Each structure stands twice: as structure tokens, then as C-alpha cells.
Amino acid sequence: MTDKHIDSPLADDDGDAIKRITPERFAELDKSTVTLLDLREPDEVLVHGLDGAINIPFNQIGTRLSQVPNDKPVVVFCRVGDWSEQVTEILADRGYDAINLDGGFQAYREYLASLPQQRENDVDDGDARPEKQAKGSAATFSIPAAAQQIMEIRTARSLTRYSSTPKGSSAPVRS
């Protein structure tokens, strides 16, 4: 880890000790100028990943912090922004130029959905074909085939756990 601190004009200065970036400013950001740290679980990243992001789930950050480079600002995000705020503070305490994405990935996706057309390559939905790009007034996101299969398997397992009822009883048997 280097001791270099990079100025971050991209961070919003709201007087708080933690640097923040709004989803709007994040959408405009040249992602190659920062390190993206995604704290969401791998199954969430599989469904809606962000190209170039380092995925270290929140519960692993303590043992994998050394995998986060310190040569440029680090934009940290999770699903709704709570965990990423904590990690942003930890990284800043360790000399990183860390910036929290306000509202997390959910707020970013909501912002993109509010745009007339989805920004190309912002959110990896597993299929970059033009016919899969959003049309109309709100962005749409498709679930990649692998993620859809995982969800179907989980649903099927949940349904089979409660599918049999013992004779003469109305209570389901859990298998």
C-alpha cells in the first residue's frame, strides 16, 4: 500500500468526514480513474455487476483489504450504502482516498432507470446485445441466464420443503 493521497474533486463536500459521491455524479465518472470496490454478495454481483469493480463481500473485507489498491481514489459501494459507509471510513483511516456511493448500488440503478435511456456499459446485465438495451422512458435490466437458473433452483427447493402434508394433518412436513 502506498502513502500517496490523491485529491478527489469527484467527491461531494457536505462537511462530513466521509467523502461521498451521488449516483448522478457516479454515472458521469470515468470509472477508469478510480478503483471500484463492490461489497455486495457474489450472487448480487452476478445479477447486476459493474465492469471493472473488485468484489469483496462486506464480511470478508477485514481479511482481503490488501487486495484493494491505493494508487487512485476508491469508490466503495454496497446494496444501499450502509456497509460501504463503514468501509469508506476504515479505508480513509488507513490512508486511502475513499469515497462512498450515496444510497449504494440500488440508488445508482434507480438513477439510471430514471434516465430516458440506459447508459451503455454502465451496468452489466449479462447481455450487451443492442436488442437487450433499454428502450423507452426507463431502463430495464435482464437477469443473466445463470442467475435465473440459480433463482429457479432456490425457488424449487423452497417449494419442495413444504410440499408434503402428513395424512390427517394440515401442517406441512419439512424435509
N, C-alpha and C. Protein backbone atom coordinates (compact mmCIF):
# COMPACT_ATOMS: atom_id res chain seq x y z
N MET A 1 0.84 -1.17 0.00
CA MET A 1 0.00 0.00 0.00
C MET A 1 0.89 1.24 0.00
N THR A 2 0.57 2.17 -0.86
CA THR A 2 1.38 3.37 -0.96
C THR A 2 0.82 4.46 -0.05
N ASP A 3 1.65 5.43 0.24
CA ASP A 3 1.26 6.51 1.12
C ASP A 3 0.68 7.68 0.33
N LYS A 4 0.55 7.50 -0.97
CA LYS A 4 0.10 8.56 -1.86
C LYS A 4 -1.38 8.87 -1.63
N HIS A 5 -1.70 10.14 -1.48
CA HIS A 5 -3.09 10.57 -1.33
C HIS A 5 -3.46 11.40 -2.56
N ILE A 6 -4.53 11.02 -3.21
CA ILE A 6 -4.94 11.69 -4.44
C ILE A 6 -6.10 12.61 -4.14
N ASP A 7 -6.05 13.85 -4.64
CA ASP A 7 -7.17 14.76 -4.46
C ASP A 7 -8.38 14.21 -5.20
N SER A 8 -9.55 14.36 -4.60
CA SER A 8 -10.77 13.82 -5.20
C SER A 8 -11.81 14.91 -5.42
N PRO A 9 -11.69 15.63 -6.53
CA PRO A 9 -12.71 16.62 -6.80
C PRO A 9 -14.06 15.98 -7.11
N LEU A 10 -14.06 14.67 -7.34
CA LEU A 10 -15.31 13.98 -7.65
C LEU A 10 -16.17 13.76 -6.42
N ALA A 11 -15.60 13.88 -5.24
CA ALA A 11 -16.37 13.65 -4.02
C ALA A 11 -17.15 14.90 -3.64
N ASP A 12 -18.35 14.70 -3.14
CA ASP A 12 -19.17 15.81 -2.67
C ASP A 12 -18.69 16.23 -1.29
N ASP A 13 -18.54 17.51 -1.08
CA ASP A 13 -18.11 18.02 0.22
C ASP A 13 -19.33 18.52 0.98
N ASP A 14 -19.84 17.68 1.87
CA ASP A 14 -21.01 18.08 2.66
C ASP A 14 -20.62 18.36 4.10
N GLY A 15 -19.33 18.56 4.36
CA GLY A 15 -18.86 18.85 5.70
C GLY A 15 -18.66 17.61 6.55
N ASP A 16 -19.07 16.45 6.07
CA ASP A 16 -18.93 15.19 6.78
C ASP A 16 -17.49 14.70 6.61
N ALA A 17 -17.01 13.93 7.56
CA ALA A 17 -15.66 13.39 7.47
C ALA A 17 -15.53 12.36 6.35
N ILE A 18 -16.64 11.74 5.98
CA ILE A 18 -16.63 10.72 4.93
C ILE A 18 -16.93 11.38 3.59
N LYS A 19 -16.07 11.11 2.61
CA LYS A 19 -16.30 11.62 1.27
C LYS A 19 -17.43 10.82 0.63
N ARG A 20 -18.25 11.52 -0.13
CA ARG A 20 -19.41 10.88 -0.76
C ARG A 20 -19.50 11.30 -2.22
N ILE A 21 -20.15 10.44 -3.01
CA ILE A 21 -20.46 10.77 -4.39
C ILE A 21 -21.91 10.38 -4.64
N THR A 22 -22.63 11.24 -5.31
CA THR A 22 -24.03 10.96 -5.61
C THR A 22 -24.12 9.98 -6.78
N PRO A 23 -25.23 9.28 -6.91
CA PRO A 23 -25.40 8.40 -8.07
C PRO A 23 -25.28 9.16 -9.40
N GLU A 24 -25.75 10.40 -9.43
CA GLU A 24 -25.67 11.20 -10.65
C GLU A 24 -24.23 11.47 -11.04
N ARG A 25 -23.43 11.89 -10.07
CA ARG A 25 -22.01 12.15 -10.35
C ARG A 25 -21.26 10.85 -10.65
N PHE A 26 -21.64 9.79 -9.97
CA PHE A 26 -21.02 8.48 -10.21
C PHE A 26 -21.28 8.03 -11.64
N ALA A 27 -22.48 8.27 -12.15
CA ALA A 27 -22.83 7.87 -13.51
C ALA A 27 -21.96 8.60 -14.54
N GLU A 28 -21.59 9.83 -14.23
CA GLU A 28 -20.77 10.64 -15.14
C GLU A 28 -19.28 10.36 -15.01
N LEU A 29 -18.90 9.70 -13.94
CA LEU A 29 -17.49 9.45 -13.63
C LEU A 29 -16.82 8.53 -14.63
N ASP A 30 -15.60 8.89 -15.02
CA ASP A 30 -14.77 7.99 -15.83
C ASP A 30 -14.27 6.91 -14.88
N LYS A 31 -14.87 5.73 -14.96
CA LYS A 31 -14.60 4.66 -14.00
C LYS A 31 -13.14 4.18 -14.05
N SER A 32 -12.42 4.50 -15.13
CA SER A 32 -11.02 4.08 -15.21
C SER A 32 -10.11 4.94 -14.33
N THR A 33 -10.64 6.04 -13.81
CA THR A 33 -9.83 6.93 -12.96
C THR A 33 -9.91 6.57 -11.49
N VAL A 34 -10.72 5.57 -11.16
CA VAL A 34 -10.91 5.17 -9.76
C VAL A 34 -10.87 3.65 -9.66
N THR A 35 -10.71 3.18 -8.43
CA THR A 35 -10.89 1.76 -8.13
C THR A 35 -12.31 1.62 -7.60
N LEU A 36 -13.05 0.66 -8.13
CA LEU A 36 -14.42 0.40 -7.68
C LEU A 36 -14.40 -0.78 -6.74
N LEU A 37 -14.90 -0.60 -5.53
CA LEU A 37 -14.95 -1.67 -4.53
C LEU A 37 -16.40 -2.01 -4.24
N ASP A 38 -16.82 -3.19 -4.67
CA ASP A 38 -18.19 -3.67 -4.54
C ASP A 38 -18.27 -4.62 -3.36
N LEU A 39 -19.03 -4.23 -2.32
CA LEU A 39 -19.14 -5.03 -1.10
C LEU A 39 -20.31 -5.99 -1.10
N ARG A 40 -21.06 -6.06 -2.20
CA ARG A 40 -22.23 -6.93 -2.25
C ARG A 40 -21.81 -8.39 -2.35
N GLU A 41 -22.76 -9.27 -2.07
CA GLU A 41 -22.50 -10.70 -2.15
C GLU A 41 -22.35 -11.12 -3.62
N PRO A 42 -21.59 -12.19 -3.89
CA PRO A 42 -21.35 -12.60 -5.27
C PRO A 42 -22.62 -12.85 -6.09
N ASP A 43 -23.69 -13.37 -5.46
CA ASP A 43 -24.91 -13.60 -6.23
C ASP A 43 -25.55 -12.29 -6.67
N GLU A 44 -25.41 -11.23 -5.88
CA GLU A 44 -25.92 -9.92 -6.28
C GLU A 44 -25.10 -9.36 -7.43
N VAL A 45 -23.79 -9.55 -7.38
CA VAL A 45 -22.90 -9.07 -8.43
C VAL A 45 -23.17 -9.83 -9.72
N LEU A 46 -23.46 -11.12 -9.61
CA LEU A 46 -23.77 -11.93 -10.78
C LEU A 46 -24.98 -11.39 -11.51
N VAL A 47 -25.98 -10.96 -10.78
CA VAL A 47 -27.20 -10.45 -11.38
C VAL A 47 -26.98 -9.05 -11.97
N HIS A 48 -26.33 -8.17 -11.23
CA HIS A 48 -26.08 -6.80 -11.68
C HIS A 48 -24.69 -6.37 -11.26
N GLY A 49 -23.72 -6.69 -12.10
CA GLY A 49 -22.35 -6.32 -11.80
C GLY A 49 -21.99 -4.99 -12.41
N LEU A 50 -20.84 -4.49 -12.04
CA LEU A 50 -20.32 -3.25 -12.60
C LEU A 50 -18.94 -3.57 -13.13
N ASP A 51 -18.75 -3.38 -14.44
CA ASP A 51 -17.47 -3.72 -15.07
C ASP A 51 -16.30 -3.07 -14.35
N GLY A 52 -15.27 -3.87 -14.10
CA GLY A 52 -14.04 -3.37 -13.50
C GLY A 52 -14.04 -3.30 -11.99
N ALA A 53 -15.15 -3.59 -11.34
CA ALA A 53 -15.21 -3.49 -9.88
C ALA A 53 -14.54 -4.70 -9.23
N ILE A 54 -13.91 -4.45 -8.10
CA ILE A 54 -13.35 -5.52 -7.27
C ILE A 54 -14.46 -5.93 -6.31
N ASN A 55 -14.82 -7.21 -6.32
CA ASN A 55 -15.88 -7.68 -5.42
C ASN A 55 -15.26 -8.32 -4.19
N ILE A 56 -15.44 -7.66 -3.05
CA ILE A 56 -15.04 -8.21 -1.75
C ILE A 56 -16.25 -8.05 -0.84
N PRO A 57 -16.98 -9.14 -0.59
CA PRO A 57 -18.15 -9.02 0.28
C PRO A 57 -17.78 -8.41 1.63
N PHE A 58 -18.73 -7.68 2.19
CA PHE A 58 -18.51 -6.95 3.43
C PHE A 58 -17.90 -7.81 4.53
N ASN A 59 -18.39 -9.05 4.68
CA ASN A 59 -17.90 -9.91 5.76
C ASN A 59 -16.48 -10.42 5.51
N GLN A 60 -15.89 -10.14 4.35
CA GLN A 60 -14.53 -10.57 4.05
C GLN A 60 -13.53 -9.42 4.00
N ILE A 61 -14.01 -8.20 4.16
CA ILE A 61 -13.15 -7.03 3.95
C ILE A 61 -11.94 -7.03 4.90
N GLY A 62 -12.12 -7.49 6.12
CA GLY A 62 -11.01 -7.50 7.08
C GLY A 62 -9.84 -8.36 6.65
N THR A 63 -10.12 -9.46 5.99
CA THR A 63 -9.05 -10.38 5.57
C THR A 63 -8.57 -10.12 4.15
N ARG A 64 -9.31 -9.31 3.39
CA ARG A 64 -8.94 -9.11 1.98
C ARG A 64 -8.64 -7.65 1.64
N LEU A 65 -8.48 -6.81 2.65
CA LEU A 65 -8.23 -5.39 2.43
C LEU A 65 -6.99 -5.15 1.58
N SER A 66 -6.01 -6.02 1.70
CA SER A 66 -4.76 -5.85 0.94
C SER A 66 -4.98 -5.98 -0.57
N GLN A 67 -6.12 -6.49 -0.99
CA GLN A 67 -6.42 -6.63 -2.42
C GLN A 67 -6.92 -5.32 -3.04
N VAL A 68 -7.13 -4.31 -2.21
CA VAL A 68 -7.62 -3.03 -2.69
C VAL A 68 -6.42 -2.11 -2.94
N PRO A 69 -6.17 -1.75 -4.20
CA PRO A 69 -5.04 -0.88 -4.49
C PRO A 69 -5.26 0.53 -3.95
N ASN A 70 -4.16 1.22 -3.68
CA ASN A 70 -4.22 2.57 -3.12
C ASN A 70 -3.60 3.60 -4.06
N ASP A 71 -3.55 3.29 -5.36
CA ASP A 71 -2.90 4.20 -6.30
C ASP A 71 -3.85 5.22 -6.93
N LYS A 72 -5.15 5.09 -6.67
CA LYS A 72 -6.13 6.07 -7.13
C LYS A 72 -7.33 6.03 -6.19
N PRO A 73 -8.22 7.01 -6.26
CA PRO A 73 -9.37 7.01 -5.35
C PRO A 73 -10.17 5.72 -5.43
N VAL A 74 -10.75 5.32 -4.30
CA VAL A 74 -11.54 4.09 -4.22
C VAL A 74 -12.99 4.49 -3.96
N VAL A 75 -13.87 4.16 -4.91
CA VAL A 75 -15.30 4.39 -4.72
C VAL A 75 -15.87 3.08 -4.18
N VAL A 76 -16.45 3.16 -2.97
CA VAL A 76 -16.95 1.99 -2.27
C VAL A 76 -18.47 1.98 -2.35
N PHE A 77 -19.03 0.81 -2.67
CA PHE A 77 -20.48 0.70 -2.69
C PHE A 77 -20.94 -0.68 -2.27
N CYS A 78 -22.14 -0.70 -1.70
CA CYS A 78 -22.82 -1.94 -1.35
C CYS A 78 -24.24 -1.82 -1.91
N ARG A 79 -25.18 -2.57 -1.39
CA ARG A 79 -26.53 -2.50 -1.93
C ARG A 79 -27.20 -1.16 -1.65
N VAL A 80 -27.19 -0.70 -0.37
CA VAL A 80 -27.91 0.53 -0.02
C VAL A 80 -27.04 1.61 0.61
N GLY A 81 -25.76 1.38 0.78
CA GLY A 81 -24.85 2.41 1.24
C GLY A 81 -24.44 2.37 2.69
N ASP A 82 -25.03 1.50 3.49
CA ASP A 82 -24.68 1.45 4.92
C ASP A 82 -23.32 0.80 5.15
N TRP A 83 -23.13 -0.38 4.61
CA TRP A 83 -21.85 -1.08 4.78
C TRP A 83 -20.72 -0.30 4.12
N SER A 84 -21.00 0.23 2.95
CA SER A 84 -19.94 0.95 2.23
C SER A 84 -19.51 2.20 2.99
N GLU A 85 -20.42 2.81 3.73
CA GLU A 85 -20.03 3.97 4.54
C GLU A 85 -19.03 3.56 5.61
N GLN A 86 -19.27 2.42 6.24
CA GLN A 86 -18.34 1.92 7.27
C GLN A 86 -16.98 1.60 6.67
N VAL A 87 -16.99 0.93 5.52
CA VAL A 87 -15.73 0.54 4.88
C VAL A 87 -15.00 1.77 4.35
N THR A 88 -15.72 2.77 3.86
CA THR A 88 -15.10 4.01 3.40
C THR A 88 -14.32 4.66 4.54
N GLU A 89 -14.92 4.67 5.72
CA GLU A 89 -14.25 5.25 6.89
C GLU A 89 -13.01 4.44 7.26
N ILE A 90 -13.11 3.12 7.22
CA ILE A 90 -11.96 2.25 7.53
C ILE A 90 -10.83 2.50 6.53
N LEU A 91 -11.17 2.55 5.24
CA LEU A 91 -10.15 2.79 4.22
C LEU A 91 -9.51 4.17 4.40
N ALA A 92 -10.30 5.18 4.68
CA ALA A 92 -9.76 6.52 4.88
C ALA A 92 -8.80 6.54 6.07
N ASP A 93 -9.15 5.82 7.14
CA ASP A 93 -8.27 5.73 8.31
C ASP A 93 -6.94 5.07 7.98
N ARG A 94 -6.92 4.27 6.94
CA ARG A 94 -5.70 3.56 6.53
C ARG A 94 -4.98 4.26 5.38
N GLY A 95 -5.36 5.50 5.09
CA GLY A 95 -4.64 6.29 4.10
C GLY A 95 -5.20 6.24 2.69
N TYR A 96 -6.29 5.55 2.48
CA TYR A 96 -6.90 5.51 1.15
C TYR A 96 -7.70 6.79 0.91
N ASP A 97 -7.80 7.18 -0.34
CA ASP A 97 -8.71 8.25 -0.75
C ASP A 97 -10.02 7.55 -1.08
N ALA A 98 -10.84 7.34 -0.06
CA ALA A 98 -12.05 6.52 -0.18
C ALA A 98 -13.30 7.39 -0.26
N ILE A 99 -14.22 6.99 -1.13
CA ILE A 99 -15.44 7.75 -1.38
C ILE A 99 -16.61 6.78 -1.37
N ASN A 100 -17.65 7.12 -0.61
CA ASN A 100 -18.84 6.28 -0.50
C ASN A 100 -19.87 6.69 -1.56
N LEU A 101 -20.44 5.70 -2.26
CA LEU A 101 -21.52 5.95 -3.19
C LEU A 101 -22.81 6.09 -2.38
N ASP A 102 -23.34 7.31 -2.29
CA ASP A 102 -24.56 7.57 -1.53
C ASP A 102 -25.72 6.71 -2.02
N GLY A 103 -26.35 6.02 -1.09
CA GLY A 103 -27.50 5.18 -1.43
C GLY A 103 -27.14 3.84 -2.03
N GLY A 104 -25.86 3.60 -2.24
CA GLY A 104 -25.38 2.32 -2.75
C GLY A 104 -25.77 2.04 -4.19
N PHE A 105 -25.60 0.80 -4.58
CA PHE A 105 -25.86 0.38 -5.95
C PHE A 105 -27.34 0.52 -6.30
N GLN A 106 -28.19 0.34 -5.30
CA GLN A 106 -29.63 0.48 -5.53
C GLN A 106 -29.97 1.90 -5.99
N ALA A 107 -29.42 2.90 -5.34
CA ALA A 107 -29.68 4.29 -5.73
C ALA A 107 -29.12 4.58 -7.12
N TYR A 108 -27.97 3.99 -7.42
CA TYR A 108 -27.37 4.16 -8.75
C TYR A 108 -28.27 3.57 -9.82
N ARG A 109 -28.77 2.36 -9.59
CA ARG A 109 -29.67 1.73 -10.56
C ARG A 109 -30.96 2.52 -10.71
N GLU A 110 -31.49 3.04 -9.60
CA GLU A 110 -32.70 3.86 -9.66
C GLU A 110 -32.46 5.12 -10.48
N TYR A 111 -31.28 5.72 -10.30
CA TYR A 111 -30.95 6.90 -11.10
C TYR A 111 -30.89 6.53 -12.57
N LEU A 112 -30.21 5.44 -12.91
CA LEU A 112 -30.12 5.03 -14.31
C LEU A 112 -31.51 4.75 -14.89
N ALA A 113 -32.38 4.15 -14.08
CA ALA A 113 -33.73 3.84 -14.55
C ALA A 113 -34.53 5.12 -14.81
N SER A 114 -34.17 6.20 -14.14
CA SER A 114 -34.90 7.45 -14.33
C SER A 114 -34.48 8.18 -15.60
N LEU A 115 -33.39 7.75 -16.20
CA LEU A 115 -32.92 8.39 -17.43
C LEU A 115 -33.74 7.93 -18.62
N PRO A 116 -33.81 8.75 -19.67
CA PRO A 116 -34.58 8.35 -20.85
C PRO A 116 -34.08 7.05 -21.47
N GLN A 117 -32.79 6.80 -21.40
CA GLN A 117 -32.24 5.58 -21.97
C GLN A 117 -31.04 5.15 -21.14
N GLN A 118 -30.91 3.83 -20.91
CA GLN A 118 -29.80 3.31 -20.10
C GLN A 118 -28.47 3.68 -20.75
N ARG A 119 -27.53 4.08 -19.90
CA ARG A 119 -26.19 4.39 -20.40
C ARG A 119 -25.49 3.08 -20.74
N GLU A 120 -24.97 3.01 -21.93
CA GLU A 120 -24.32 1.79 -22.40
C GLU A 120 -23.12 1.44 -21.52
N ASN A 121 -22.99 0.19 -21.18
CA ASN A 121 -21.87 -0.36 -20.41
C ASN A 121 -21.83 0.07 -18.95
N ASP A 122 -22.82 0.80 -18.43
CA ASP A 122 -22.79 1.18 -17.02
C ASP A 122 -23.07 -0.01 -16.12
N VAL A 123 -24.12 -0.75 -16.42
CA VAL A 123 -24.49 -1.89 -15.61
C VAL A 123 -24.41 -3.13 -16.47
N ASP A 124 -23.67 -4.12 -16.02
CA ASP A 124 -23.53 -5.37 -16.74
C ASP A 124 -24.72 -6.24 -16.43
N ASP A 125 -25.60 -6.40 -17.44
CA ASP A 125 -26.76 -7.25 -17.20
C ASP A 125 -26.56 -8.62 -17.81
N GLY A 126 -25.33 -8.91 -18.21
CA GLY A 126 -25.02 -10.24 -18.73
C GLY A 126 -25.27 -10.38 -20.22
N ASP A 127 -25.80 -9.35 -20.86
CA ASP A 127 -26.09 -9.44 -22.28
C ASP A 127 -26.01 -8.05 -22.88
N ALA A 128 -24.97 -7.77 -23.63
CA ALA A 128 -24.75 -6.44 -24.16
C ALA A 128 -25.28 -6.28 -25.58
N ARG A 129 -26.06 -7.26 -26.10
CA ARG A 129 -26.59 -7.12 -27.45
C ARG A 129 -27.51 -5.91 -27.53
N PRO A 130 -27.48 -5.18 -28.66
CA PRO A 130 -28.30 -3.98 -28.79
C PRO A 130 -29.77 -4.22 -28.52
N GLU A 131 -30.32 -5.36 -28.93
CA GLU A 131 -31.74 -5.61 -28.70
C GLU A 131 -32.06 -5.81 -27.22
N LYS A 132 -31.03 -6.01 -26.38
CA LYS A 132 -31.25 -6.14 -24.94
C LYS A 132 -31.09 -4.80 -24.22
N GLN A 133 -30.66 -3.74 -24.96
CA GLN A 133 -30.51 -2.43 -24.35
C GLN A 133 -31.89 -1.89 -24.01
N ALA A 134 -31.92 -1.02 -23.02
CA ALA A 134 -33.20 -0.44 -22.58
C ALA A 134 -33.80 0.42 -23.67
N LYS A 135 -35.11 0.40 -23.73
CA LYS A 135 -35.85 1.23 -24.67
C LYS A 135 -36.91 1.98 -23.90
N GLY A 136 -37.30 3.12 -24.42
CA GLY A 136 -38.38 3.85 -23.79
C GLY A 136 -37.91 4.78 -22.71
N SER A 137 -38.80 5.06 -21.75
CA SER A 137 -38.51 6.09 -20.76
C SER A 137 -37.77 5.59 -19.53
N ALA A 138 -37.69 4.29 -19.33
CA ALA A 138 -37.00 3.78 -18.15
C ALA A 138 -36.12 2.61 -18.55
N ALA A 139 -34.98 2.49 -17.88
CA ALA A 139 -34.07 1.39 -18.18
C ALA A 139 -34.64 0.08 -17.64
N THR A 140 -34.38 -0.99 -18.36
CA THR A 140 -34.78 -2.30 -17.88
C THR A 140 -33.53 -3.12 -17.72
N PHE A 141 -33.55 -4.05 -16.80
CA PHE A 141 -32.40 -4.88 -16.53
C PHE A 141 -32.82 -6.33 -16.64
N SER A 142 -32.09 -7.09 -17.42
CA SER A 142 -32.42 -8.51 -17.53
C SER A 142 -31.51 -9.31 -16.62
N ILE A 143 -31.97 -10.45 -16.22
CA ILE A 143 -31.18 -11.31 -15.35
C ILE A 143 -30.45 -12.32 -16.24
N PRO A 144 -29.12 -12.42 -16.10
CA PRO A 144 -28.38 -13.39 -16.89
C PRO A 144 -28.91 -14.80 -16.65
N ALA A 145 -28.73 -15.64 -17.64
CA ALA A 145 -29.27 -17.00 -17.58
C ALA A 145 -28.81 -17.76 -16.34
N ALA A 146 -27.54 -17.65 -15.99
CA ALA A 146 -27.03 -18.38 -14.82
C ALA A 146 -27.72 -17.93 -13.54
N ALA A 147 -27.91 -16.63 -13.40
CA ALA A 147 -28.58 -16.11 -12.21
C ALA A 147 -30.03 -16.56 -12.18
N GLN A 148 -30.68 -16.57 -13.35
CA GLN A 148 -32.06 -17.02 -13.42
C GLN A 148 -32.16 -18.48 -12.99
N GLN A 149 -31.21 -19.31 -13.42
CA GLN A 149 -31.21 -20.73 -13.04
C GLN A 149 -31.04 -20.88 -11.54
N ILE A 150 -30.16 -20.09 -10.95
CA ILE A 150 -29.94 -20.15 -9.50
C ILE A 150 -31.23 -19.81 -8.77
N MET A 151 -31.89 -18.76 -9.23
CA MET A 151 -33.14 -18.35 -8.58
C MET A 151 -34.22 -19.43 -8.73
N GLU A 152 -34.29 -20.07 -9.90
CA GLU A 152 -35.28 -21.14 -10.11
C GLU A 152 -34.99 -22.34 -9.21
N ILE A 153 -33.72 -22.69 -9.05
CA ILE A 153 -33.35 -23.81 -8.19
C ILE A 153 -33.71 -23.51 -6.74
N ARG A 154 -33.40 -22.30 -6.28
CA ARG A 154 -33.73 -21.91 -4.90
C ARG A 154 -35.24 -21.94 -4.68
N THR A 155 -36.00 -21.46 -5.64
CA THR A 155 -37.46 -21.46 -5.53
C THR A 155 -37.98 -22.89 -5.48
N ALA A 156 -37.46 -23.74 -6.36
CA ALA A 156 -37.90 -25.13 -6.39
C ALA A 156 -37.59 -25.83 -5.07
N ARG A 157 -36.41 -25.58 -4.51
CA ARG A 157 -36.06 -26.19 -3.22
C ARG A 157 -36.99 -25.71 -2.12
N SER A 158 -37.30 -24.43 -2.13
CA SER A 158 -38.21 -23.89 -1.11
C SER A 158 -39.58 -24.52 -1.22
N LEU A 159 -40.06 -24.70 -2.43
CA LEU A 159 -41.39 -25.27 -2.63
C LEU A 159 -41.45 -26.73 -2.21
N THR A 160 -40.37 -27.50 -2.48
CA THR A 160 -40.40 -28.92 -2.14
C THR A 160 -40.27 -29.15 -0.64
N ARG A 161 -39.70 -28.22 0.07
CA ARG A 161 -39.57 -28.38 1.53
C ARG A 161 -40.93 -28.43 2.20
N TYR A 162 -41.88 -27.73 1.66
CA TYR A 162 -43.20 -27.64 2.28
C TYR A 162 -44.30 -28.29 1.45
N SER A 163 -43.92 -29.16 0.54
CA SER A 163 -44.92 -29.68 -0.38
C SER A 163 -45.70 -30.89 0.14
N SER A 164 -45.18 -31.64 1.10
CA SER A 164 -45.90 -32.83 1.54
C SER A 164 -46.56 -32.59 2.90
N THR A 165 -47.76 -33.09 3.03
CA THR A 165 -48.52 -32.95 4.27
C THR A 165 -48.82 -34.35 4.79
N PRO A 166 -48.55 -34.67 6.08
CA PRO A 166 -48.84 -35.99 6.60
C PRO A 166 -50.34 -36.25 6.61
N LYS A 167 -50.69 -37.53 6.45
CA LYS A 167 -52.08 -37.94 6.43
C LYS A 167 -52.77 -37.52 7.72
N GLY A 168 -53.93 -36.88 7.56
CA GLY A 168 -54.69 -36.47 8.72
C GLY A 168 -54.19 -35.19 9.39
N SER A 169 -53.21 -34.51 8.77
CA SER A 169 -52.68 -33.29 9.35
C SER A 169 -52.72 -32.19 8.31
N SER A 170 -52.88 -30.98 8.78
CA SER A 170 -52.86 -29.86 7.86
C SER A 170 -51.50 -29.15 7.87
N ALA A 171 -50.60 -29.57 8.75
CA ALA A 171 -49.28 -28.95 8.85
C ALA A 171 -48.32 -29.59 7.86
N PRO A 172 -47.58 -28.78 7.12
CA PRO A 172 -46.62 -29.34 6.18
C PRO A 172 -45.42 -29.97 6.90
N VAL A 173 -44.84 -30.97 6.25
CA VAL A 173 -43.66 -31.63 6.79
C VAL A 173 -42.45 -30.99 6.14
N ARG A 174 -41.51 -30.59 6.93
CA ARG A 174 -40.28 -30.01 6.39
C ARG A 174 -39.29 -31.12 6.14
N SER A 175 -38.77 -31.21 4.92
CA SER A 175 -37.83 -32.28 4.59
C SER A 175 -36.42 -31.88 4.85
